[in-house]
Protein backbone atom coordinates (compact mmCIF):
# COMPACT_ATOMS: atom_id res chain seq x y z
CA MET A 1 66.03 74.86 92.12
CA SER A 2 65.59 71.07 92.68
CA ASP A 3 67.56 69.14 95.38
CA ALA A 4 69.57 67.39 92.56
CA PRO A 5 72.41 69.84 91.65
CA ALA A 6 73.21 70.51 88.04
CA TRP A 7 76.91 71.28 88.68
CA VAL A 8 79.68 70.44 91.11
CA VAL A 9 82.80 72.53 91.76
CA ARG A 10 85.72 70.28 92.55
CA ALA A 11 89.49 70.26 92.68
CA ALA A 12 91.12 70.10 89.24
CA ARG A 13 92.90 66.90 88.17
CA ALA A 14 95.28 65.82 85.39
CA ALA A 15 92.36 64.56 83.24
CA ASP A 16 91.00 68.07 83.01
CA LEU A 17 93.91 69.27 80.82
CA ASN A 18 92.19 68.97 77.47
CA PRO A 19 88.82 70.38 78.70
CA LEU A 20 90.64 73.38 80.21
CA LEU A 21 92.62 73.91 77.05
CA ASP A 22 89.33 73.86 75.15
CA LEU A 23 87.90 76.36 77.66
CA ALA A 24 90.89 78.65 77.21
CA GLN A 25 90.44 78.58 73.43
CA ALA A 26 86.72 79.24 73.70
CA LEU A 27 87.35 82.32 75.95
CA GLY A 28 89.89 83.88 73.55
CA PRO A 29 92.63 86.30 74.52
CA GLY A 30 92.56 88.49 77.68
CA MET A 31 92.74 85.93 80.48
CA THR A 32 96.40 85.55 81.11
CA THR A 33 96.02 83.04 83.97
CA LEU A 34 94.30 80.62 81.58
CA PRO A 35 96.39 80.70 78.40
CA PRO A 36 95.63 78.24 75.56
CA ASP A 37 98.99 76.51 76.21
CA ALA A 38 98.97 72.84 77.16
CA ALA A 39 102.34 72.96 78.96
CA VAL A 40 101.37 75.94 81.09
CA LEU A 41 97.99 74.42 81.99
CA ALA A 42 99.52 71.04 82.81
CA HIS A 43 101.96 72.74 85.18
CA LYS A 44 99.03 74.70 86.77
CA ILE A 45 97.06 71.55 87.34
CA ALA A 46 100.05 69.64 88.73
CA CYS A 47 100.80 72.45 91.20
CA SER A 48 97.15 72.50 92.25
CA GLU A 49 97.09 68.73 92.82
CA ARG A 50 100.14 68.99 95.08
CA THR A 51 98.67 71.97 96.87
CA PHE A 52 95.36 70.19 97.53
CA ALA A 53 97.33 67.17 98.69
CA GLY A 54 99.02 69.33 101.31
CA GLN A 55 102.45 68.99 99.67
CA GLU A 56 105.06 71.73 99.57
CA THR A 57 105.38 73.44 96.19
CA ASP A 58 107.02 76.67 94.93
CA ASP A 59 103.81 77.57 93.09
CA ARG A 60 100.95 76.97 95.47
CA GLN A 61 97.48 77.30 94.04
CA HIS A 62 94.07 75.69 94.37
CA VAL A 63 92.46 75.30 90.99
CA LEU A 64 88.76 74.50 90.93
CA VAL A 65 86.67 73.43 87.97
CA LEU A 66 82.93 73.47 87.32
CA GLU A 67 81.69 70.08 86.16
CA ASP A 68 78.34 69.29 84.61
CA LEU A 69 76.94 66.43 86.64
CA ALA A 70 74.85 65.18 83.73
CA ASP A 71 77.70 64.56 81.25
CA GLY A 72 80.96 65.24 83.12
CA ARG A 73 81.94 68.22 80.97
CA VAL A 74 84.21 70.87 82.46
CA LEU A 75 82.45 74.21 82.07
CA GLY A 76 84.47 76.71 84.11
CA ILE A 77 87.44 77.44 86.30
CA ALA A 78 88.38 79.46 89.44
CA ALA A 79 91.42 79.53 91.59
CA VAL A 80 92.83 80.56 94.98
CA TYR A 81 96.45 81.54 95.30
CA PRO A 82 97.38 81.20 99.00
CA ARG A 83 100.39 83.57 99.18
CA ILE A 84 101.19 85.79 96.25
CA GLY A 85 104.51 87.40 95.50
CA GLU A 86 106.58 85.06 97.60
CA ARG A 87 109.50 85.03 95.20
CA HIS A 88 109.68 88.50 93.75
CA GLY A 89 107.01 90.53 95.56
CA PHE A 90 103.54 91.37 94.21
CA PHE A 91 103.54 94.76 92.48
CA SER A 92 100.76 97.38 92.33
CA TYR A 93 100.50 101.05 91.82
CA LYS A 94 99.03 102.95 94.76
CA LEU A 95 97.20 106.12 93.85
CA THR A 96 97.99 108.87 96.36
CA LYS A 97 97.41 112.62 96.63
CA LEU A 98 100.04 115.28 97.21
CA VAL A 99 98.98 118.72 98.29
CA GLN A 100 101.25 121.60 97.26
CA ARG A 101 100.79 125.27 98.09
CA SER A 102 102.55 128.45 97.10
CA ASP A 103 102.04 131.35 99.52
CA LEU A 104 103.69 133.68 96.98
CA LEU A 105 101.05 132.87 94.40
CA GLY A 106 98.29 132.16 96.84
CA ARG A 107 97.51 128.93 95.13
CA ARG A 108 97.04 125.30 96.21
CA VAL A 109 97.48 122.41 93.80
CA ASP A 110 96.39 118.85 94.52
CA VAL A 111 98.26 116.31 92.42
CA GLU A 112 97.87 112.58 92.14
CA LEU A 113 100.82 110.21 92.15
CA LEU A 114 101.21 106.57 91.14
CA THR A 115 103.73 104.96 93.50
CA LEU A 116 105.01 101.40 93.05
CA SER A 117 103.79 99.29 95.96
CA ASN A 118 104.13 95.78 97.40
CA ASP A 119 101.27 96.11 99.80
CA TYR A 120 99.66 92.87 98.70
CA THR A 121 102.78 90.67 98.88
CA GLY A 122 101.90 87.63 100.97
CA ALA A 123 98.14 88.09 100.60
CA THR A 124 95.81 85.41 99.27
CA GLU A 125 94.45 86.09 95.78
CA VAL A 126 91.20 84.83 94.36
CA GLY A 127 91.21 84.84 90.59
CA SER A 128 91.07 82.91 87.30
CA LEU A 129 87.31 83.04 87.34
CA ALA A 130 85.78 81.97 83.93
CA ILE A 131 82.91 79.99 82.51
CA ARG A 132 82.06 78.82 79.04
CA PRO A 133 80.30 81.61 77.00
CA GLU A 134 77.08 79.67 76.82
CA LEU A 135 76.72 79.77 80.63
CA ARG A 136 76.87 83.49 80.91
CA GLY A 137 73.76 84.84 82.53
CA THR A 138 73.28 81.70 84.66
CA SER A 139 74.24 81.16 88.30
CA ALA A 140 77.39 79.20 87.33
CA GLY A 141 79.75 82.07 87.72
CA ARG A 142 78.48 82.97 91.20
CA LEU A 143 78.78 79.29 92.26
CA LEU A 144 82.36 79.15 91.05
CA ALA A 145 83.26 82.44 92.71
CA ARG A 146 81.71 81.53 96.07
CA SER A 147 83.24 78.05 96.08
CA ARG A 148 86.58 79.76 96.65
CA TYR A 149 85.26 81.34 99.86
CA MET A 150 83.86 77.96 100.91
CA LEU A 151 87.41 76.56 100.59
CA ILE A 152 88.86 79.52 102.61
CA ALA A 153 86.21 79.05 105.30
CA ALA A 154 86.93 75.31 105.55
CA PHE A 155 90.71 75.69 105.84
CA PRO A 156 91.47 79.23 107.02
CA GLN A 157 94.96 78.22 108.32
CA LEU A 158 96.10 77.74 104.67
CA PHE A 159 95.34 81.35 103.69
CA ALA A 160 96.49 84.83 104.57
CA ASP A 161 94.56 87.31 106.77
CA ARG A 162 93.97 89.49 103.76
CA VAL A 163 92.37 88.32 100.49
CA MET A 164 92.71 90.31 97.24
CA ALA A 165 91.53 90.16 93.66
CA GLU A 166 92.38 92.19 90.58
CA MET A 167 90.16 93.06 87.68
CA ARG A 168 91.11 93.28 84.06
CA GLY A 169 91.76 96.89 83.18
CA TRP A 170 89.99 99.10 80.70
CA GLN A 171 90.68 98.72 76.94
CA ASP A 172 89.35 100.72 74.08
CA ALA A 173 87.24 99.43 71.17
CA ASP A 174 90.38 98.29 69.37
CA GLY A 175 91.55 96.24 72.35
CA ARG A 176 94.39 98.61 73.27
CA SER A 177 95.20 99.51 76.86
CA PRO A 178 95.72 103.26 77.16
CA PHE A 179 97.30 102.85 80.57
CA TRP A 180 99.89 100.43 79.24
CA ASP A 181 100.58 102.64 76.22
CA ALA A 182 101.25 105.58 78.49
CA ILE A 183 103.53 103.87 81.05
CA GLY A 184 104.44 100.20 80.55
CA ALA A 185 105.18 100.49 76.82
CA ARG A 186 107.83 103.08 77.64
CA PHE A 187 109.79 100.73 79.96
CA PHE A 188 109.28 97.26 78.42
CA ASP A 189 110.16 96.41 74.88
CA LEU A 190 107.16 94.07 74.76
CA PRO A 191 103.59 94.21 73.57
CA PHE A 192 101.06 94.47 76.41
CA GLU A 193 99.79 90.87 75.92
CA GLU A 194 103.26 89.42 76.14
CA ALA A 195 104.22 91.39 79.25
CA ASP A 196 101.01 90.38 80.96
CA ARG A 197 101.48 86.77 79.98
CA LEU A 198 105.02 86.74 81.29
CA SER A 199 103.92 88.16 84.60
CA ALA A 200 101.26 85.41 84.97
CA VAL A 201 103.45 82.53 83.82
CA GLU A 202 107.04 83.48 84.85
CA GLY A 203 106.45 85.70 87.84
CA ALA A 204 107.04 89.38 88.54
CA GLY A 205 110.80 89.55 88.70
CA PHE A 206 111.08 91.55 85.52
CA ILE A 207 108.64 94.11 86.85
CA ALA A 208 111.00 94.82 89.70
CA ASP A 209 113.92 95.06 87.27
CA LEU A 210 112.38 97.38 84.74
CA MET A 211 109.42 99.42 86.18
CA PRO A 212 110.19 102.98 87.20
CA LYS A 213 110.85 103.21 90.96
CA GLN A 214 109.98 106.89 91.33
CA PRO A 215 106.37 108.12 91.65
CA ILE A 216 104.55 109.06 88.42
CA TYR A 217 102.52 112.28 88.32
CA THR A 218 99.19 111.35 86.73
CA ALA A 219 98.85 114.88 85.33
CA LEU A 220 101.66 114.05 82.89
CA LEU A 221 99.71 111.11 81.39
CA PRO A 222 97.35 111.33 78.47
CA GLU A 223 93.72 111.82 79.27
CA ALA A 224 92.75 108.29 78.12
CA ALA A 225 95.37 106.80 80.48
CA ARG A 226 94.09 108.88 83.40
CA GLN A 227 90.52 107.80 82.70
CA ALA A 228 91.62 104.13 82.79
CA ILE A 229 93.06 104.31 86.26
CA GLY A 230 91.07 102.02 88.56
CA ARG A 231 88.55 101.31 85.79
CA ALA A 232 87.58 97.70 85.17
CA HIS A 233 87.09 96.30 81.71
CA ALA A 234 83.40 95.94 80.66
CA VAL A 235 83.67 92.11 80.72
CA SER A 236 84.73 92.30 84.39
CA ALA A 237 81.68 94.24 85.57
CA LYS A 238 79.78 91.15 86.86
CA ALA A 239 82.90 89.73 88.64
CA MET A 240 83.52 93.13 90.29
CA ALA A 241 79.92 93.27 91.50
CA MET A 242 80.17 89.82 93.03
CA LEU A 243 83.38 90.87 94.88
CA MET A 244 81.64 93.94 96.24
CA ASP A 245 78.75 91.73 97.36
CA GLU A 246 81.28 89.74 99.39
CA ASP A 247 82.42 92.97 101.09
CA PHE A 248 85.66 93.46 99.15
CA ARG A 249 86.68 97.13 98.80
CA TYR A 250 88.79 99.20 96.48
CA GLU A 251 91.42 101.42 98.15
CA ALA A 252 93.29 102.95 95.21
CA HIS A 253 95.55 100.01 94.30
CA ILE A 254 95.76 99.26 90.59
CA ASP A 255 97.49 96.81 88.29
CA VAL A 256 100.84 97.95 86.99
CA PHE A 257 100.10 96.82 83.44
CA ASP A 258 96.59 97.92 82.57
CA GLY A 259 95.52 100.09 85.55
CA GLY A 260 92.67 97.71 86.47
CA PRO A 261 91.34 97.94 90.10
CA GLN A 262 92.67 95.72 92.82
CA VAL A 263 90.28 95.06 95.74
CA HIS A 264 90.64 93.33 99.07
CA ALA A 265 88.87 92.05 102.14
CA GLY A 266 89.81 90.60 105.52
CA ARG A 267 89.73 86.80 105.20
CA ASP A 268 87.28 86.38 108.03
CA LYS A 269 85.15 89.38 106.90
CA ILE A 270 84.27 87.90 103.50
CA ARG A 271 80.52 87.54 103.58
CA THR A 272 80.41 83.86 102.51
CA VAL A 273 83.09 83.02 105.10
CA GLN A 274 81.10 84.75 107.83
CA GLU A 275 77.88 82.95 106.90
CA ASN A 276 79.62 79.58 106.64
CA ARG A 277 79.04 76.91 109.32
CA LEU A 278 79.44 73.24 109.93
CA ALA A 279 76.38 70.90 109.95
CA GLU A 280 75.99 67.24 110.65
CA VAL A 281 74.66 65.21 107.80
CA SER A 282 71.16 63.98 108.62
CA GLN A 283 69.34 61.06 106.98
CA THR A 284 66.00 62.66 107.98
CA PRO A 285 63.92 63.63 104.91
CA ALA A 286 64.14 67.27 104.10
CA GLN A 287 61.44 69.64 105.40
CA ASP A 288 60.95 73.21 104.11
CA ALA A 289 64.06 73.00 101.95
CA THR A 290 65.69 76.27 100.82
CA PRO A 291 68.73 77.00 98.60
CA TRP A 292 72.20 76.58 100.19
CA LEU A 293 75.88 76.22 99.16
CA VAL A 294 77.20 72.94 100.53
CA SER A 295 80.76 71.62 100.55
CA ASN A 296 82.41 68.55 101.96
CA THR A 297 85.18 68.89 104.52
CA ARG A 298 88.06 67.14 102.73
CA LEU A 299 90.90 69.21 101.27
CA GLU A 300 92.24 66.82 98.64
CA ASP A 301 88.80 66.01 97.21
CA PHE A 302 87.13 69.37 97.92
CA ARG A 303 83.67 69.73 96.38
CA VAL A 304 80.92 72.36 96.43
CA VAL A 305 77.32 72.30 95.12
CA GLU A 306 74.32 74.55 95.33
CA THR A 307 71.07 72.81 96.16
CA ARG A 308 67.92 72.89 98.22
CA LEU A 309 68.35 71.64 101.79
CA SER A 310 66.66 71.57 105.16
CA VAL A 311 69.15 73.01 107.62
CA SER A 312 68.26 73.36 111.32
CA ASP A 313 69.72 72.70 114.81
CA GLY A 314 73.16 72.06 113.33
CA GLN A 315 71.93 69.37 110.99
CA ALA A 316 71.54 69.28 107.20
CA ALA A 317 69.12 66.82 105.56
CA ILE A 318 71.02 65.81 102.40
CA GLY A 319 69.57 63.63 99.66
CA GLU A 320 71.39 60.84 97.81
CA ALA A 321 72.10 63.00 94.73
CA VAL A 322 73.86 65.65 96.78
CA ARG A 323 75.83 63.05 98.77
CA ARG A 324 77.07 61.53 95.54
CA ALA A 325 78.08 64.90 94.10
CA LEU A 326 80.00 65.78 97.28
CA SER A 327 81.39 62.25 97.76
CA VAL A 328 79.90 62.20 101.21
CA VAL A 329 79.22 58.64 102.36
CA GLY A 330 76.96 57.98 105.31
CA GLY A 331 77.12 60.53 108.12
CA GLY A 332 79.83 63.01 108.97
CA GLU A 333 79.84 66.80 108.48
CA VAL A 334 79.43 69.30 105.63
CA ARG A 335 79.78 73.06 105.39
CA VAL A 336 76.81 75.17 104.48
CA ALA A 337 76.28 78.84 103.57
CA PRO A 338 73.04 80.51 102.50
CA SER A 339 72.45 80.90 98.76
CA ARG A 340 72.25 84.47 97.56
CA GLU A 341 68.87 83.59 96.13
CA ARG A 342 67.75 82.65 99.60
CA ARG A 343 68.55 85.88 101.38
CA PRO A 344 68.97 88.99 99.23
CA ARG A 345 71.25 91.70 100.54
CA ALA A 346 69.42 94.55 102.21
């Protein structure tokens, strides 16, 4: 890795609408928070711009894009939603166990229940992580993912004490969701894709209206649906691994539509947040440079890059290319966190 970064992660702006629409079309179906719909994406960007500007909005979200510094192309997206479920509640199923025993028969039966839950209402959600197909297998996805934690570390007062994420649930070879077919399809007169899109775009009010309120015995579900509970889609495997690497954990909460796993971590316990620290920009030439994540300290023009730096004694020696990418002029401060390439997990 040279000291001149290839990409910058920055706050989305109105001019990104067409590139994000192109990205949504390139990704195809399955990512409901990035639909190939110009009106929906324009609203998302506008809400993000107001949120980054510190303005009040009913739909607070921080949308980040990955930009190629060589040609300015938008290559990916990620987002942070500061407080989810504020209007209607955020709905999950919680998988619990019920122990039943008959002394007459001398038998004990352990059964599992799915109970509608609002445990994550008010939490911060990290989501909408996607990169162009040609970047898969590179470090672009990890940079985008970790840029969200750099934002949280820089402005912790804007985010909840608990941070969650949800993974796309398991689907069969034909793209069908066995979990949805077993439960959701029986209560919503909608195809799975439409119900999931409505939830992402319109909110969760209709879930509260129509989902069954009583616990569901999993033993009554088809085997395919039971096997899908808490199981991430194959395309989500890398994203799930990155969340686990940040010390997120799964505690039996699943998505009400497709049964995908929902995971969480304490805001201040996220690994990148813990490793994050302020450093004063130094004009001294870099010595013994190693890979770091670096962000500026401005909310409205928040930016993150990954590059090689010399960081010591609270100072970071930053070259001209990095300063331009971060829009850091002269001195001041930046935030730094070790690159995963620099210090592998034990």
